[in-house]
Amino acid sequence: MSFTLLPGIDIDGQAQGWAFLTDLQRNSFGYFLQEVSAKTGLARDKTRPHWPASIAATGLALTTYPIGVERGWMSRALALERTLTTLQFLAVSKQGGAADASGHHGFFYHFLDIDSGKRVWDCELSSIDTALLIAGVLTAAAYFQADTDDEAQVRSLADRLYRRVDWNWMCHGGELVCHGWTPEGGFLPWHWEGYDEALILYVLALGSPTHPVAPASYAAWLRSYEWRDIYGIELLYAGALFIHQMSHIWIDFRGIADSFMRARGIDYFENSRRATQVQQQYAMRNPLNFDQYGQFCWGFTACDGPGAVSRKIDGIERTFYGYVARGAPYGPDDGTLAPWAVVASLPFAPDIVLPTIHAFAKRRLHEANPYGFKASFCPTFGEGSGVCREAGWVSPYHFGINEGPTVVMIENYRSDLVWRLLRQCPPIICGLRQAGFDGAWLATATLRNERMASR
């Protein structure tokens, strides 16, 4: 599969823009058609041979299936079958403190063998990746609402999986939620503090009807925020762009605000728009003089890179990295850009995202490639070849956590499908209210589940 520009029509034109986005979205969706185990429903973390699944990619797979149905890329029957395979496996997968389990206390390990579901690489029981998985589980439940046995089973399994997660246990006796736990070493020394992708985690943890964290946990997280003025743009700071996107994949933050945002007169959606502008401004200034940065060439986030190596290029000693969270304007920055991160900001700032997508397409980062744009590229590193030679180094892999945001955020921009589904989701409604959010759609949202309403 590949997508092409319609001849004779500029992408800035309405017809061409929609055709281009549709093809990009469809091809990125292809990742979840091809890179998912038929046995477990788990989604592969990346396309390297023999690579395991990740639970975050699996949550994104569950989130994309309703989009595939609504866009006509898969039947509802197939989406339901795949969803049930995934939820049934997760529900019966081994839980407990054993090193070969799939999870413990309702949380799941970051990486699982794609066909057996067993923990791999001695990885951590991941609080954030479990949250992203549960967000996908709840999306499936919100979509499959028909009065049939199979769709009722989706809703029942989703409720069971959500209720099983012991969010309070992951606080380890403190206020902030811990990053994770291993059977070998216990709780990790890090907690979710400072503005980060854990907004969705705290909302789900607060909304739990069985093992919730206290509102004081969210208040402690808010106290760790940093408000900054960068290039004359005031915002809640985080350098990597994915932080400003990940929770927005599922939650519509337009017009709703917690105490921190109310005090500053904006919401998290507006904050993400400003963060997107900061990224562009940093690339235009290009203080480290990396190749090709500019008005329509940016995208600093967690992504694959050329690897840990130093080189002298044009008289400058450059240090490059592998997979790290790159950020603007304070780095790290090694000249590596991620097109998917730009696409995932489409709902926030289409005025600067659409022409940047067009510029990436001109670099032919999508050709000879089944899943949309390449994951990342580094013009400064050089060694480009084939259709992408002008892009320099290009990642040879695709990642589930890149393809998912591409599919979902294009859809949220076009139809707000996932946002509409989750605006009716009791755990999301309850969690947001427990966190002190109000306004817009949340003010009139109703809880279908009376057990949630009674909390």
Protein backbone atom coordinates (compact mmCIF):
# COMPACT_ATOMS: atom_id res chain seq x y z
CA MET A 1 0.00 0.00 0.00
CA SER A 2 1.10 3.55 -0.66
CA PHE A 3 -0.65 6.85 -0.95
CA THR A 4 -0.17 9.35 -3.74
CA LEU A 5 -0.95 12.97 -4.38
CA LEU A 6 -3.73 13.60 -6.84
CA PRO A 7 -2.13 14.99 -10.01
CA GLY A 8 -2.50 18.65 -10.69
CA ILE A 9 -4.05 19.52 -7.30
CA ASP A 10 -2.11 21.17 -4.51
CA ILE A 11 -2.44 19.55 -1.08
CA ASP A 12 -3.51 22.92 0.29
CA GLY A 13 -6.71 22.57 -1.73
CA GLN A 14 -9.62 21.07 0.19
CA ALA A 15 -10.14 18.04 -2.06
CA GLN A 16 -6.47 17.16 -2.13
CA GLY A 17 -6.05 17.70 1.60
CA TRP A 18 -8.82 15.24 2.46
CA ALA A 19 -7.60 12.65 -0.04
CA PHE A 20 -4.07 12.87 1.31
CA LEU A 21 -5.17 12.55 4.94
CA THR A 22 -7.49 9.66 4.12
CA ASP A 23 -4.72 7.69 2.47
CA LEU A 24 -2.25 8.47 5.26
CA GLN A 25 -4.82 7.43 7.86
CA ARG A 26 -5.80 4.27 6.00
CA ASN A 27 -2.23 3.14 5.50
CA SER A 28 -1.34 3.80 9.12
CA PHE A 29 -4.41 1.77 10.11
CA GLY A 30 -2.89 -1.08 8.12
CA TYR A 31 -0.37 -1.57 10.93
CA PHE A 32 -3.15 -2.86 13.16
CA LEU A 33 -4.45 -5.18 10.44
CA GLN A 34 -1.06 -6.79 9.92
CA GLU A 35 0.91 -6.51 13.18
CA VAL A 36 -1.57 -8.10 15.61
CA SER A 37 -1.56 -11.70 16.83
CA ALA A 38 -4.61 -13.69 15.78
CA LYS A 39 -4.14 -15.81 18.90
CA THR A 40 -3.97 -13.13 21.61
CA GLY A 41 -5.04 -9.90 19.92
CA LEU A 42 -1.85 -8.23 21.16
CA ALA A 43 -0.27 -5.62 18.88
CA ARG A 44 3.43 -5.70 18.02
CA ASP A 45 5.49 -2.87 19.47
CA LYS A 46 7.48 -2.35 16.28
CA THR A 47 8.10 -4.07 12.96
CA ARG A 48 11.51 -5.52 13.78
CA PRO A 49 11.39 -9.32 13.21
CA HIS A 50 10.53 -11.39 16.29
CA TRP A 51 9.75 -8.26 18.30
CA PRO A 52 7.22 -8.52 21.16
CA ALA A 53 3.90 -6.81 21.66
CA SER A 54 3.41 -3.74 23.79
CA ILE A 55 0.31 -3.14 25.84
CA ALA A 56 0.21 0.52 24.79
CA ALA A 57 0.14 -0.49 21.11
CA THR A 58 -2.61 -2.97 21.98
CA GLY A 59 -4.69 -0.21 23.56
CA LEU A 60 -4.25 1.84 20.40
CA ALA A 61 -5.25 -1.12 18.23
CA LEU A 62 -8.52 -1.40 20.15
CA THR A 63 -9.04 2.34 19.66
CA THR A 64 -8.50 2.20 15.90
CA TYR A 65 -10.92 -0.64 15.16
CA PRO A 66 -14.05 1.55 15.46
CA ILE A 67 -12.40 4.01 13.08
CA GLY A 68 -11.71 1.20 10.63
CA VAL A 69 -15.37 0.21 10.74
CA GLU A 70 -16.68 3.75 10.30
CA ARG A 71 -14.27 4.40 7.41
CA GLY A 72 -15.11 1.12 5.68
CA TRP A 73 -11.65 -0.42 6.08
CA MET A 74 -12.88 -3.43 8.06
CA SER A 75 -16.26 -4.94 8.81
CA ARG A 76 -17.94 -4.50 12.16
CA ALA A 77 -17.93 -8.29 12.52
CA LEU A 78 -14.16 -8.45 12.08
CA ALA A 79 -13.59 -5.53 14.45
CA LEU A 80 -15.80 -7.23 17.03
CA GLU A 81 -13.99 -10.56 16.59
CA ARG A 82 -10.58 -8.94 17.04
CA THR A 83 -11.74 -6.94 20.03
CA LEU A 84 -13.18 -10.00 21.75
CA THR A 85 -10.00 -11.98 21.09
CA THR A 86 -7.98 -9.25 22.78
CA LEU A 87 -10.27 -8.71 25.76
CA GLN A 88 -10.79 -12.40 26.37
CA PHE A 89 -7.06 -13.01 26.38
CA LEU A 90 -6.37 -10.09 28.71
CA ALA A 91 -9.10 -11.24 31.09
CA VAL A 92 -7.71 -14.77 31.48
CA SER A 93 -3.99 -13.97 31.18
CA LYS A 94 -1.87 -14.93 34.15
CA GLN A 95 -1.82 -12.36 36.94
CA GLY A 96 0.40 -12.45 40.01
CA GLY A 97 3.92 -11.90 41.25
CA ALA A 98 5.52 -14.64 39.14
CA ALA A 99 8.12 -13.42 36.66
CA ASP A 100 6.39 -15.11 33.71
CA ALA A 101 2.95 -13.61 34.33
CA SER A 102 1.27 -11.10 32.04
CA GLY A 103 0.44 -8.73 34.85
CA HIS A 104 -0.16 -8.14 38.54
CA HIS A 105 -2.82 -6.21 40.52
CA GLY A 106 -4.63 -5.60 37.23
CA PHE A 107 -1.63 -3.87 35.63
CA PHE A 108 0.19 -5.39 32.69
CA TYR A 109 3.86 -5.63 31.85
CA HIS A 110 5.12 -3.16 29.28
CA PHE A 111 6.17 -5.81 26.75
CA LEU A 112 4.58 -9.23 26.28
CA ASP A 113 5.34 -12.12 23.96
CA ILE A 114 2.90 -11.52 21.15
CA ASP A 115 1.59 -15.09 20.96
CA SER A 116 1.85 -16.29 24.56
CA GLY A 117 1.31 -13.03 26.45
CA LYS A 118 4.15 -13.76 28.85
CA ARG A 119 6.40 -10.99 30.14
CA VAL A 120 9.61 -10.48 28.16
CA TRP A 121 12.95 -8.73 28.79
CA ASP A 122 12.39 -8.56 32.56
CA CYS A 123 10.36 -5.43 31.82
CA GLU A 124 8.38 -3.43 34.34
CA LEU A 125 4.73 -3.63 35.26
CA SER A 126 3.87 -0.31 33.60
CA SER A 127 1.32 2.08 35.08
CA ILE A 128 1.20 4.41 32.07
CA ASP A 129 1.11 1.70 29.44
CA THR A 130 -1.64 -0.06 31.36
CA ALA A 131 -3.56 3.23 31.36
CA LEU A 132 -3.23 3.49 27.58
CA LEU A 133 -4.39 -0.11 27.26
CA ILE A 134 -7.42 0.53 29.49
CA ALA A 135 -8.25 3.66 27.48
CA GLY A 136 -8.47 1.44 24.39
CA VAL A 137 -10.51 -1.14 26.29
CA LEU A 138 -13.00 1.54 27.33
CA THR A 139 -13.17 2.87 23.77
CA ALA A 140 -14.16 -0.58 22.58
CA ALA A 141 -16.89 -0.77 25.24
CA ALA A 142 -18.20 2.67 24.28
CA TYR A 143 -18.39 1.71 20.60
CA PHE A 144 -19.87 -1.79 20.82
CA GLN A 145 -23.21 -0.87 22.36
CA ALA A 146 -25.54 -3.13 20.37
CA ASP A 147 -27.94 -5.43 22.20
CA THR A 148 -26.18 -8.64 21.15
CA ASP A 149 -24.40 -11.29 23.19
CA ASP A 150 -21.00 -10.56 21.65
CA GLU A 151 -21.17 -6.80 22.07
CA ALA A 152 -22.49 -7.22 25.61
CA GLN A 153 -19.47 -9.44 26.28
CA VAL A 154 -17.15 -6.64 25.11
CA ARG A 155 -18.75 -4.30 27.63
CA SER A 156 -18.62 -6.88 30.42
CA LEU A 157 -14.96 -7.74 29.83
CA ALA A 158 -14.00 -4.07 29.59
CA ASP A 159 -15.68 -3.37 32.92
CA ARG A 160 -13.94 -6.38 34.47
CA LEU A 161 -10.49 -5.33 33.24
CA TYR A 162 -10.92 -1.74 34.41
CA ARG A 163 -12.20 -2.73 37.83
CA ARG A 164 -9.28 -5.12 38.32
CA VAL A 165 -6.61 -2.41 38.13
CA ASP A 166 -5.45 -1.47 41.63
CA TRP A 167 -4.41 2.11 40.99
CA ASN A 168 -4.05 2.86 44.68
CA TRP A 169 -1.53 0.00 45.11
CA MET A 170 0.66 1.67 42.47
CA CYS A 171 0.95 4.77 44.69
CA HIS A 172 3.01 2.64 47.11
CA GLY A 173 1.70 4.49 50.13
CA GLY A 174 2.36 7.97 48.71
CA GLU A 175 0.31 10.48 46.77
CA LEU A 176 1.88 10.26 43.31
CA VAL A 177 1.42 7.21 41.11
CA CYS A 178 4.58 5.16 40.62
CA HIS A 179 5.98 4.44 37.14
CA GLY A 180 5.96 0.71 37.72
CA TRP A 181 6.97 -2.41 39.58
CA THR A 182 9.05 -5.55 38.94
CA PRO A 183 8.96 -8.87 40.79
CA GLU A 184 12.73 -8.69 41.14
CA GLY A 185 13.06 -5.17 42.58
CA GLY A 186 9.64 -4.01 43.69
CA PHE A 187 8.40 -0.50 42.97
CA LEU A 188 10.47 1.68 40.64
CA PRO A 189 11.97 4.82 42.21
CA TRP A 190 10.18 7.22 39.85
CA HIS A 191 6.68 8.69 40.12
CA TRP A 192 4.48 10.58 37.68
CA GLU A 193 5.25 14.22 38.46
CA GLY A 194 5.87 17.23 36.28
CA TYR A 195 3.46 17.63 33.36
CA ASP A 196 3.65 14.45 31.31
CA GLU A 197 1.55 11.87 29.47
CA ALA A 198 0.07 10.64 32.77
CA LEU A 199 -2.99 12.91 32.59
CA ILE A 200 -5.01 9.99 31.19
CA LEU A 201 -3.58 7.76 33.92
CA TYR A 202 -4.70 10.05 36.74
CA VAL A 203 -8.17 10.44 35.23
CA LEU A 204 -8.63 6.67 34.99
CA ALA A 205 -7.19 6.15 38.48
CA LEU A 206 -9.54 8.75 39.98
CA GLY A 207 -12.56 7.29 38.18
CA SER A 208 -12.09 3.73 39.37
CA PRO A 209 -15.11 2.34 41.29
CA THR A 210 -12.93 -0.30 42.98
CA HIS A 211 -9.37 0.93 43.63
CA PRO A 212 -9.29 4.72 43.10
CA VAL A 213 -6.53 7.09 44.06
CA ALA A 214 -7.54 10.05 46.19
CA PRO A 215 -8.08 13.53 44.71
CA ALA A 216 -5.01 14.51 46.75
CA SER A 217 -2.97 12.40 44.32
CA TYR A 218 -4.04 14.59 41.41
CA ALA A 219 -3.46 17.75 43.45
CA ALA A 220 0.10 16.58 44.16
CA TRP A 221 0.64 16.08 40.44
CA LEU A 222 -0.61 19.59 39.67
CA ARG A 223 1.86 21.05 42.18
CA SER A 224 4.73 19.64 40.11
CA TYR A 225 3.77 21.56 36.95
CA GLU A 226 6.03 24.18 35.28
CA TRP A 227 4.41 27.20 33.62
CA ARG A 228 6.83 28.92 31.23
CA ASP A 229 7.11 31.67 28.66
CA ILE A 230 8.94 30.41 25.55
CA TYR A 231 9.30 32.67 22.52
CA GLY A 232 6.54 34.83 24.00
CA ILE A 233 4.21 31.84 24.21
CA GLU A 234 2.98 31.03 27.71
CA LEU A 235 2.24 27.37 28.37
CA LEU A 236 2.42 24.40 30.69
CA TYR A 237 5.79 23.06 29.65
CA ALA A 238 6.84 19.64 28.41
CA GLY A 239 9.50 19.34 25.73
CA ALA A 240 8.49 16.18 23.86
CA LEU A 241 5.43 16.62 21.66
CA PHE A 242 3.87 13.24 22.48
CA ILE A 243 3.26 14.44 26.05
CA HIS A 244 0.91 17.10 24.67
CA GLN A 245 -0.93 14.52 22.56
CA MET A 246 -1.23 11.15 24.28
CA SER A 247 -4.07 11.86 26.71
CA HIS A 248 -5.88 13.85 24.00
CA ILE A 249 -6.17 10.74 21.85
CA TRP A 250 -9.09 9.69 24.07
CA ILE A 251 -10.23 12.71 26.08
CA ASP A 252 -11.77 15.82 24.57
CA PHE A 253 -10.24 18.60 26.64
CA ARG A 254 -11.81 21.40 24.64
CA GLY A 255 -13.56 23.79 26.99
CA ILE A 256 -13.00 21.83 30.19
CA ALA A 257 -10.40 22.77 32.78
CA ASP A 258 -9.02 21.76 36.14
CA SER A 259 -7.94 24.22 38.83
CA PHE A 260 -4.50 24.76 37.27
CA MET A 261 -5.87 25.61 33.83
CA ARG A 262 -8.79 27.67 35.16
CA ALA A 263 -6.31 29.90 36.98
CA ARG A 264 -4.58 30.58 33.65
CA GLY A 265 -7.69 30.98 31.54
CA ILE A 266 -7.02 28.16 29.09
CA ASP A 267 -7.58 24.40 28.75
CA TYR A 268 -5.26 21.51 27.91
CA PHE A 269 -6.31 21.60 24.25
CA GLU A 270 -5.16 25.21 23.94
CA ASN A 271 -2.00 24.32 25.82
CA SER A 272 -1.23 21.62 23.24
CA ARG A 273 -1.80 24.14 20.44
CA ARG A 274 0.78 26.41 22.05
CA ALA A 275 3.22 23.53 22.51
CA THR A 276 2.88 22.78 18.80
CA GLN A 277 3.68 26.40 17.99
CA VAL A 278 6.76 26.26 20.24
CA GLN A 279 8.01 23.27 18.28
CA GLN A 280 7.70 25.14 15.00
CA GLN A 281 9.32 28.27 16.42
CA TYR A 282 12.27 26.25 17.71
CA ALA A 283 12.80 24.66 14.30
CA MET A 284 12.66 28.06 12.60
CA ARG A 285 15.30 29.42 14.97
CA ASN A 286 17.35 26.22 14.70
CA PRO A 287 19.93 27.24 17.32
CA LEU A 288 22.05 24.11 16.79
CA ASN A 289 22.09 24.47 12.98
CA PHE A 290 20.70 21.07 12.07
CA ASP A 291 19.96 20.30 8.43
CA GLN A 292 16.53 21.10 6.98
CA TYR A 293 14.87 22.46 10.13
CA GLY A 294 12.41 25.21 9.35
CA GLN A 295 8.85 26.49 9.28
CA PHE A 296 7.55 23.25 7.82
CA CYS A 297 10.15 20.80 9.08
CA TRP A 298 9.85 20.01 12.78
CA GLY A 299 8.51 17.34 15.15
CA PHE A 300 10.50 16.67 18.34
CA THR A 301 9.25 13.76 20.40
CA ALA A 302 10.05 10.26 21.64
CA CYS A 303 11.23 8.40 18.57
CA ASP A 304 13.82 6.15 16.98
CA GLY A 305 17.18 7.66 16.10
CA PRO A 306 20.44 6.85 14.27
CA GLY A 307 21.98 5.33 17.40
CA ALA A 308 24.48 6.27 20.08
CA VAL A 309 27.33 7.64 18.00
CA SER A 310 29.36 10.84 17.62
CA ARG A 311 30.50 12.30 14.30
CA LYS A 312 32.13 15.47 13.08
CA ILE A 313 29.86 16.88 10.38
CA ASP A 314 30.72 20.11 8.57
CA GLY A 315 33.24 20.88 11.29
CA ILE A 316 30.74 20.37 14.16
CA GLU A 317 31.00 17.47 16.58
CA ARG A 318 27.53 15.92 16.68
CA THR A 319 26.18 13.39 19.18
CA PHE A 320 23.31 11.20 18.04
CA TYR A 321 20.95 8.96 19.99
CA GLY A 322 18.83 5.87 19.56
CA TYR A 323 15.28 5.83 20.88
CA VAL A 324 14.94 8.79 23.28
CA ALA A 325 12.40 11.50 24.06
CA ARG A 326 13.59 14.50 22.06
CA GLY A 327 12.18 17.88 22.99
CA ALA A 328 12.01 21.57 22.14
CA PRO A 329 13.49 23.96 22.99
CA TYR A 330 15.70 22.42 25.70
CA GLY A 331 16.47 19.12 24.00
CA PRO A 332 17.77 16.59 23.69
CA ASP A 333 18.05 17.36 20.00
CA ASP A 334 20.24 15.45 17.55
CA GLY A 335 18.60 16.52 14.29
CA THR A 336 16.02 13.70 14.32
CA LEU A 337 12.39 14.48 13.47
CA ALA A 338 9.22 12.39 13.70
CA PRO A 339 6.52 13.07 11.07
CA TRP A 340 3.89 11.13 13.05
CA ALA A 341 4.25 13.57 15.94
CA VAL A 342 3.33 16.42 13.63
CA VAL A 343 0.30 14.54 12.30
CA ALA A 344 -0.88 13.82 15.85
CA SER A 345 -1.04 17.59 16.49
CA LEU A 346 -3.47 18.08 13.61
CA PRO A 347 -6.53 18.84 15.78
CA PHE A 348 -4.62 21.50 17.75
CA ALA A 349 -2.97 23.49 14.97
CA PRO A 350 -4.06 22.49 11.45
CA ASP A 351 -2.79 25.80 10.08
CA ILE A 352 0.82 24.78 10.65
CA VAL A 353 0.43 20.98 10.65
CA LEU A 354 -1.13 20.56 7.20
CA PRO A 355 1.63 22.38 5.30
CA THR A 356 4.24 20.49 7.32
CA ILE A 357 2.63 17.18 6.34
CA HIS A 358 2.82 18.36 2.74
CA ALA A 359 6.52 19.16 3.16
CA PHE A 360 7.19 15.70 4.59
CA ALA A 361 5.38 14.14 1.66
CA LYS A 362 7.69 15.97 -0.73
CA ARG A 363 10.60 14.22 0.99
CA ARG A 364 8.91 10.97 -0.11
CA LEU A 365 8.92 9.59 3.42
CA HIS A 366 5.77 7.62 2.61
CA GLU A 367 6.81 5.78 -0.53
CA ALA A 368 7.84 2.12 -0.72
CA ASN A 369 6.30 1.89 2.71
CA PRO A 370 3.10 0.12 3.83
CA TYR A 371 2.22 2.13 6.94
CA GLY A 372 2.20 5.81 5.99
CA PHE A 373 5.11 8.02 6.93
CA LYS A 374 8.40 6.60 8.11
CA ALA A 375 8.73 6.78 11.89
CA SER A 376 11.60 9.28 12.02
CA PHE A 377 14.45 10.68 9.97
CA CYS A 378 17.66 12.63 10.52
CA PRO A 379 18.93 14.69 7.56
CA THR A 380 22.05 15.78 9.46
CA PHE A 381 23.21 12.19 9.95
CA GLY A 382 23.28 11.60 6.20
CA GLU A 383 23.44 8.19 4.57
CA GLY A 384 20.13 8.60 2.79
CA SER A 385 19.36 6.25 -0.07
CA GLY A 386 16.52 5.28 -2.39
CA VAL A 387 13.34 7.33 -2.48
CA CYS A 388 14.14 8.90 0.91
CA ARG A 389 17.73 9.92 0.13
CA GLU A 390 17.08 13.61 0.80
CA ALA A 391 15.87 12.76 4.31
CA GLY A 392 19.23 11.35 5.37
CA TRP A 393 19.00 8.58 7.96
CA VAL A 394 15.51 7.07 8.08
CA SER A 395 14.23 4.63 10.70
CA PRO A 396 13.79 1.15 9.23
CA TYR A 397 10.92 0.37 11.60
CA HIS A 398 7.33 1.32 12.29
CA PHE A 399 5.94 1.55 15.81
CA GLY A 400 2.44 0.90 17.10
CA ILE A 401 2.59 3.97 19.33
CA ASN A 402 3.29 6.07 16.22
CA GLU A 403 0.67 4.58 13.94
CA GLY A 404 -2.12 4.69 16.53
CA PRO A 405 -1.95 8.43 17.22
CA THR A 406 -1.77 9.05 13.46
CA VAL A 407 -5.00 7.15 12.84
CA VAL A 408 -6.91 8.48 15.84
CA MET A 409 -5.92 12.12 15.75
CA ILE A 410 -6.70 12.42 12.05
CA GLU A 411 -10.14 11.00 12.90
CA ASN A 412 -10.62 13.30 15.87
CA TYR A 413 -9.80 16.20 13.56
CA ARG A 414 -12.25 15.00 10.92
CA SER A 415 -15.17 13.71 12.97
CA ASP A 416 -14.16 13.64 16.67
CA LEU A 417 -15.30 10.00 16.72
CA VAL A 418 -13.16 8.80 19.63
CA TRP A 419 -13.79 11.99 21.58
CA ARG A 420 -17.54 11.54 21.13
CA LEU A 421 -17.36 7.95 22.34
CA LEU A 422 -15.37 8.80 25.45
CA ARG A 423 -17.51 11.83 26.30
CA GLN A 424 -20.13 9.20 27.19
CA CYS A 425 -17.75 6.93 29.12
CA PRO A 426 -18.56 6.77 32.87
CA PRO A 427 -14.95 6.21 34.06
CA ILE A 428 -13.77 9.23 32.05
CA ILE A 429 -16.63 11.42 33.26
CA CYS A 430 -16.16 10.35 36.87
CA GLY A 431 -12.36 10.67 36.74
CA LEU A 432 -12.46 14.15 35.27
CA ARG A 433 -14.92 15.32 37.88
CA GLN A 434 -12.86 13.80 40.68
CA ALA A 435 -9.89 15.75 39.30
CA GLY A 436 -11.87 18.99 39.51
CA PHE A 437 -12.61 19.48 35.81
CA ASP A 438 -15.75 21.28 34.75
CA GLY A 439 -17.18 23.19 31.81
CA ALA A 440 -18.36 22.52 28.24
CA TRP A 441 -19.56 18.98 27.53
CA LEU A 442 -18.60 17.72 31.00
CA ALA A 443 -21.13 20.02 32.68
CA THR A 444 -24.04 18.15 31.09
CA ALA A 445 -22.55 14.65 30.80
CA THR A 446 -24.56 11.90 32.45
CA LEU A 447 -23.35 8.66 33.97
CA ARG A 448 -25.11 5.64 32.51
CA ASN A 449 -23.60 3.40 35.15
CA GLU A 450 -25.36 4.05 38.46
CA ARG A 451 -22.54 2.40 40.42
CA MET A 452 -20.23 5.08 39.05
CA ALA A 453 -22.74 7.81 39.79
CA SER A 454 -23.01 6.76 43.41
CA ARG A 455 -19.32 7.35 44.12
